[in-house]
Amino acid sequence: MEQPKLTCGTDEIRINIKDSFELEFWADKFGVSRDEIRSAVKEAGDSLTAVQRKLKNSAPHDASQKYQRHPEHYST
């Protein structure tokens, strides 16, 4: 009997936008706002691969601004 192949790819990683710690982690990781992560998950699904693809496709064409966190999202 053949053993199932164990994989650990980004397709298996899910982003839980209801978990504030996780939401902040992924926002920091991609350099975008929490709202942008929420929007990407709602539009593309919760797999890491889908969210990465969505953020990449919606990023500005100027590479210097790609995945930059917007300063207006920081409050003092």
N, C-alpha and C. Protein backbone atom coordinates (compact mmCIF):
# COMPACT_ATOMS: atom_id res chain seq x y z
N MET A 1 0.84 -1.18 0.00
CA MET A 1 0.00 0.00 0.00
C MET A 1 0.88 1.25 0.00
N GLU A 2 0.58 2.17 -0.88
CA GLU A 2 1.39 3.37 -1.03
C GLU A 2 1.06 4.39 0.06
N GLN A 3 2.11 4.94 0.65
CA GLN A 3 1.94 5.96 1.68
C GLN A 3 1.59 7.29 1.02
N PRO A 4 0.67 8.05 1.61
CA PRO A 4 0.39 9.37 1.05
C PRO A 4 1.61 10.27 1.17
N LYS A 5 1.84 11.07 0.16
CA LYS A 5 2.99 11.96 0.15
C LYS A 5 2.69 13.17 1.03
N LEU A 6 3.57 13.41 1.99
CA LEU A 6 3.41 14.56 2.86
C LEU A 6 4.06 15.76 2.20
N THR A 7 3.32 16.84 2.12
CA THR A 7 3.84 18.05 1.52
C THR A 7 3.67 19.21 2.48
N CYS A 8 4.49 20.17 2.33
CA CYS A 8 4.38 21.37 3.14
C CYS A 8 4.68 22.55 2.24
N GLY A 9 3.71 22.97 1.50
CA GLY A 9 3.88 24.08 0.58
C GLY A 9 3.02 25.25 1.01
N THR A 10 3.16 26.35 0.29
CA THR A 10 2.39 27.53 0.66
C THR A 10 0.89 27.34 0.41
N ASP A 11 0.51 26.40 -0.44
CA ASP A 11 -0.92 26.16 -0.67
C ASP A 11 -1.59 25.62 0.58
N GLU A 12 -0.82 24.98 1.46
CA GLU A 12 -1.40 24.41 2.67
C GLU A 12 -1.49 25.42 3.80
N ILE A 13 -0.83 26.56 3.66
CA ILE A 13 -0.86 27.58 4.69
C ILE A 13 -2.08 28.46 4.47
N ARG A 14 -2.87 28.62 5.50
CA ARG A 14 -4.08 29.43 5.43
C ARG A 14 -3.90 30.68 6.28
N ILE A 15 -4.42 31.78 5.82
CA ILE A 15 -4.36 33.03 6.55
C ILE A 15 -5.71 33.26 7.22
N ASN A 16 -5.69 33.32 8.55
CA ASN A 16 -6.90 33.52 9.33
C ASN A 16 -7.04 35.00 9.66
N ILE A 17 -7.91 35.70 8.94
CA ILE A 17 -8.06 37.13 9.14
C ILE A 17 -8.83 37.48 10.41
N LYS A 18 -9.39 36.48 11.07
CA LYS A 18 -10.10 36.72 12.33
C LYS A 18 -9.15 36.70 13.53
N ASP A 19 -7.91 36.25 13.32
CA ASP A 19 -6.89 36.21 14.37
C ASP A 19 -6.04 37.47 14.23
N SER A 20 -6.15 38.40 15.17
CA SER A 20 -5.47 39.70 15.05
C SER A 20 -3.95 39.56 14.99
N PHE A 21 -3.38 38.61 15.76
CA PHE A 21 -1.94 38.39 15.71
C PHE A 21 -1.51 37.92 14.33
N GLU A 22 -2.24 36.97 13.78
CA GLU A 22 -1.91 36.43 12.47
C GLU A 22 -2.09 37.49 11.38
N LEU A 23 -3.15 38.27 11.50
CA LEU A 23 -3.41 39.33 10.53
C LEU A 23 -2.26 40.34 10.54
N GLU A 24 -1.81 40.73 11.71
CA GLU A 24 -0.69 41.68 11.83
C GLU A 24 0.61 41.06 11.30
N PHE A 25 0.83 39.78 11.59
CA PHE A 25 2.02 39.08 11.10
C PHE A 25 2.10 39.15 9.58
N TRP A 26 1.01 38.77 8.90
CA TRP A 26 1.03 38.74 7.44
C TRP A 26 1.09 40.16 6.86
N ALA A 27 0.45 41.11 7.50
CA ALA A 27 0.54 42.50 7.03
C ALA A 27 1.99 42.99 7.09
N ASP A 28 2.67 42.71 8.21
CA ASP A 28 4.07 43.08 8.34
C ASP A 28 4.94 42.33 7.34
N LYS A 29 4.67 41.06 7.18
CA LYS A 29 5.46 40.22 6.27
C LYS A 29 5.42 40.76 4.84
N PHE A 30 4.22 41.17 4.39
CA PHE A 30 4.07 41.67 3.03
C PHE A 30 4.23 43.18 2.92
N GLY A 31 4.33 43.86 4.06
CA GLY A 31 4.49 45.31 4.03
C GLY A 31 3.25 46.04 3.55
N VAL A 32 2.10 45.51 3.91
CA VAL A 32 0.83 46.12 3.52
C VAL A 32 -0.02 46.31 4.77
N SER A 33 -1.15 46.95 4.62
CA SER A 33 -2.03 47.17 5.76
C SER A 33 -2.84 45.91 6.07
N ARG A 34 -3.40 45.86 7.26
CA ARG A 34 -4.28 44.75 7.64
C ARG A 34 -5.50 44.73 6.73
N ASP A 35 -5.99 45.90 6.35
CA ASP A 35 -7.14 45.96 5.44
C ASP A 35 -6.81 45.36 4.08
N GLU A 36 -5.58 45.55 3.61
CA GLU A 36 -5.19 44.98 2.32
C GLU A 36 -5.11 43.45 2.42
N ILE A 37 -4.68 42.93 3.56
CA ILE A 37 -4.66 41.47 3.76
C ILE A 37 -6.10 40.96 3.77
N ARG A 38 -6.97 41.62 4.53
CA ARG A 38 -8.39 41.21 4.58
C ARG A 38 -9.00 41.19 3.19
N SER A 39 -8.76 42.25 2.45
CA SER A 39 -9.31 42.37 1.10
C SER A 39 -8.79 41.26 0.18
N ALA A 40 -7.49 41.00 0.26
CA ALA A 40 -6.89 39.95 -0.58
C ALA A 40 -7.48 38.59 -0.24
N VAL A 41 -7.67 38.31 1.05
CA VAL A 41 -8.26 37.02 1.45
C VAL A 41 -9.70 36.92 0.97
N LYS A 42 -10.45 38.00 1.10
CA LYS A 42 -11.85 37.97 0.66
C LYS A 42 -11.97 37.78 -0.84
N GLU A 43 -11.04 38.37 -1.60
CA GLU A 43 -11.10 38.28 -3.06
C GLU A 43 -10.48 37.00 -3.62
N ALA A 44 -9.39 36.54 -3.00
CA ALA A 44 -8.62 35.43 -3.59
C ALA A 44 -8.73 34.12 -2.81
N GLY A 45 -9.23 34.18 -1.58
CA GLY A 45 -9.26 32.99 -0.74
C GLY A 45 -8.19 33.07 0.31
N ASP A 46 -8.19 32.13 1.25
CA ASP A 46 -7.30 32.24 2.39
C ASP A 46 -5.98 31.49 2.26
N SER A 47 -5.70 30.89 1.11
CA SER A 47 -4.40 30.21 0.97
C SER A 47 -3.31 31.26 0.79
N LEU A 48 -2.16 30.99 1.36
CA LEU A 48 -1.03 31.92 1.27
C LEU A 48 -0.66 32.19 -0.19
N THR A 49 -0.67 31.17 -1.01
CA THR A 49 -0.33 31.33 -2.42
C THR A 49 -1.29 32.29 -3.11
N ALA A 50 -2.58 32.13 -2.86
CA ALA A 50 -3.58 33.00 -3.49
C ALA A 50 -3.43 34.44 -3.03
N VAL A 51 -3.16 34.63 -1.74
CA VAL A 51 -2.99 35.98 -1.20
C VAL A 51 -1.73 36.63 -1.77
N GLN A 52 -0.63 35.87 -1.83
CA GLN A 52 0.60 36.40 -2.42
C GLN A 52 0.36 36.85 -3.86
N ARG A 53 -0.32 36.01 -4.62
CA ARG A 53 -0.60 36.32 -6.03
C ARG A 53 -1.47 37.57 -6.14
N LYS A 54 -2.48 37.67 -5.30
CA LYS A 54 -3.38 38.82 -5.33
C LYS A 54 -2.63 40.10 -4.99
N LEU A 55 -1.81 40.06 -3.94
CA LEU A 55 -1.05 41.24 -3.55
C LEU A 55 -0.04 41.63 -4.62
N LYS A 56 0.59 40.65 -5.22
CA LYS A 56 1.57 40.93 -6.27
C LYS A 56 0.89 41.58 -7.48
N ASN A 57 -0.28 41.08 -7.85
CA ASN A 57 -0.99 41.61 -9.01
C ASN A 57 -1.60 42.98 -8.75
N SER A 58 -1.85 43.31 -7.49
CA SER A 58 -2.45 44.61 -7.19
C SER A 58 -1.42 45.62 -6.70
N ALA A 59 -0.13 45.21 -6.64
CA ALA A 59 0.94 46.11 -6.18
C ALA A 59 1.24 47.15 -7.25
N PRO A 60 1.73 48.32 -6.84
CA PRO A 60 2.13 49.34 -7.83
C PRO A 60 3.21 48.79 -8.75
N HIS A 61 3.26 49.30 -9.95
CA HIS A 61 4.26 48.82 -10.91
C HIS A 61 5.66 49.30 -10.56
N ASP A 62 5.77 50.37 -9.79
CA ASP A 62 7.07 50.87 -9.36
C ASP A 62 7.61 49.94 -8.29
N ALA A 63 8.68 49.23 -8.58
CA ALA A 63 9.23 48.22 -7.67
C ALA A 63 9.64 48.82 -6.33
N SER A 64 9.99 50.11 -6.29
CA SER A 64 10.39 50.72 -5.03
C SER A 64 9.21 50.87 -4.08
N GLN A 65 7.99 50.86 -4.61
CA GLN A 65 6.80 50.99 -3.77
C GLN A 65 6.11 49.66 -3.52
N LYS A 66 6.59 48.60 -4.11
CA LYS A 66 5.95 47.30 -4.00
C LYS A 66 5.95 46.82 -2.56
N TYR A 67 4.80 46.46 -2.06
CA TYR A 67 4.61 45.95 -0.71
C TYR A 67 5.06 46.93 0.37
N GLN A 68 5.03 48.21 0.09
CA GLN A 68 5.41 49.19 1.11
C GLN A 68 4.22 49.43 2.04
N ARG A 69 4.49 49.46 3.34
CA ARG A 69 3.44 49.77 4.31
C ARG A 69 3.15 51.26 4.21
N HIS A 70 1.88 51.58 4.22
CA HIS A 70 1.46 52.96 4.11
C HIS A 70 1.55 53.64 5.48
N PRO A 71 2.23 54.81 5.57
CA PRO A 71 2.42 55.46 6.87
C PRO A 71 1.11 55.85 7.55
N GLU A 72 0.06 56.07 6.79
CA GLU A 72 -1.21 56.47 7.40
C GLU A 72 -1.82 55.37 8.25
N HIS A 73 -1.30 54.14 8.16
CA HIS A 73 -1.82 53.04 8.95
C HIS A 73 -1.20 52.98 10.34
N TYR A 74 -0.19 53.83 10.58
CA TYR A 74 0.40 53.90 11.90
C TYR A 74 -0.25 55.05 12.66
N SER A 75 -0.62 54.81 13.88
CA SER A 75 -1.20 55.87 14.68
C SER A 75 -0.41 56.00 15.98
N THR A 76 -0.33 57.21 16.49
CA THR A 76 0.42 57.44 17.73
C THR A 76 -0.51 57.69 18.88
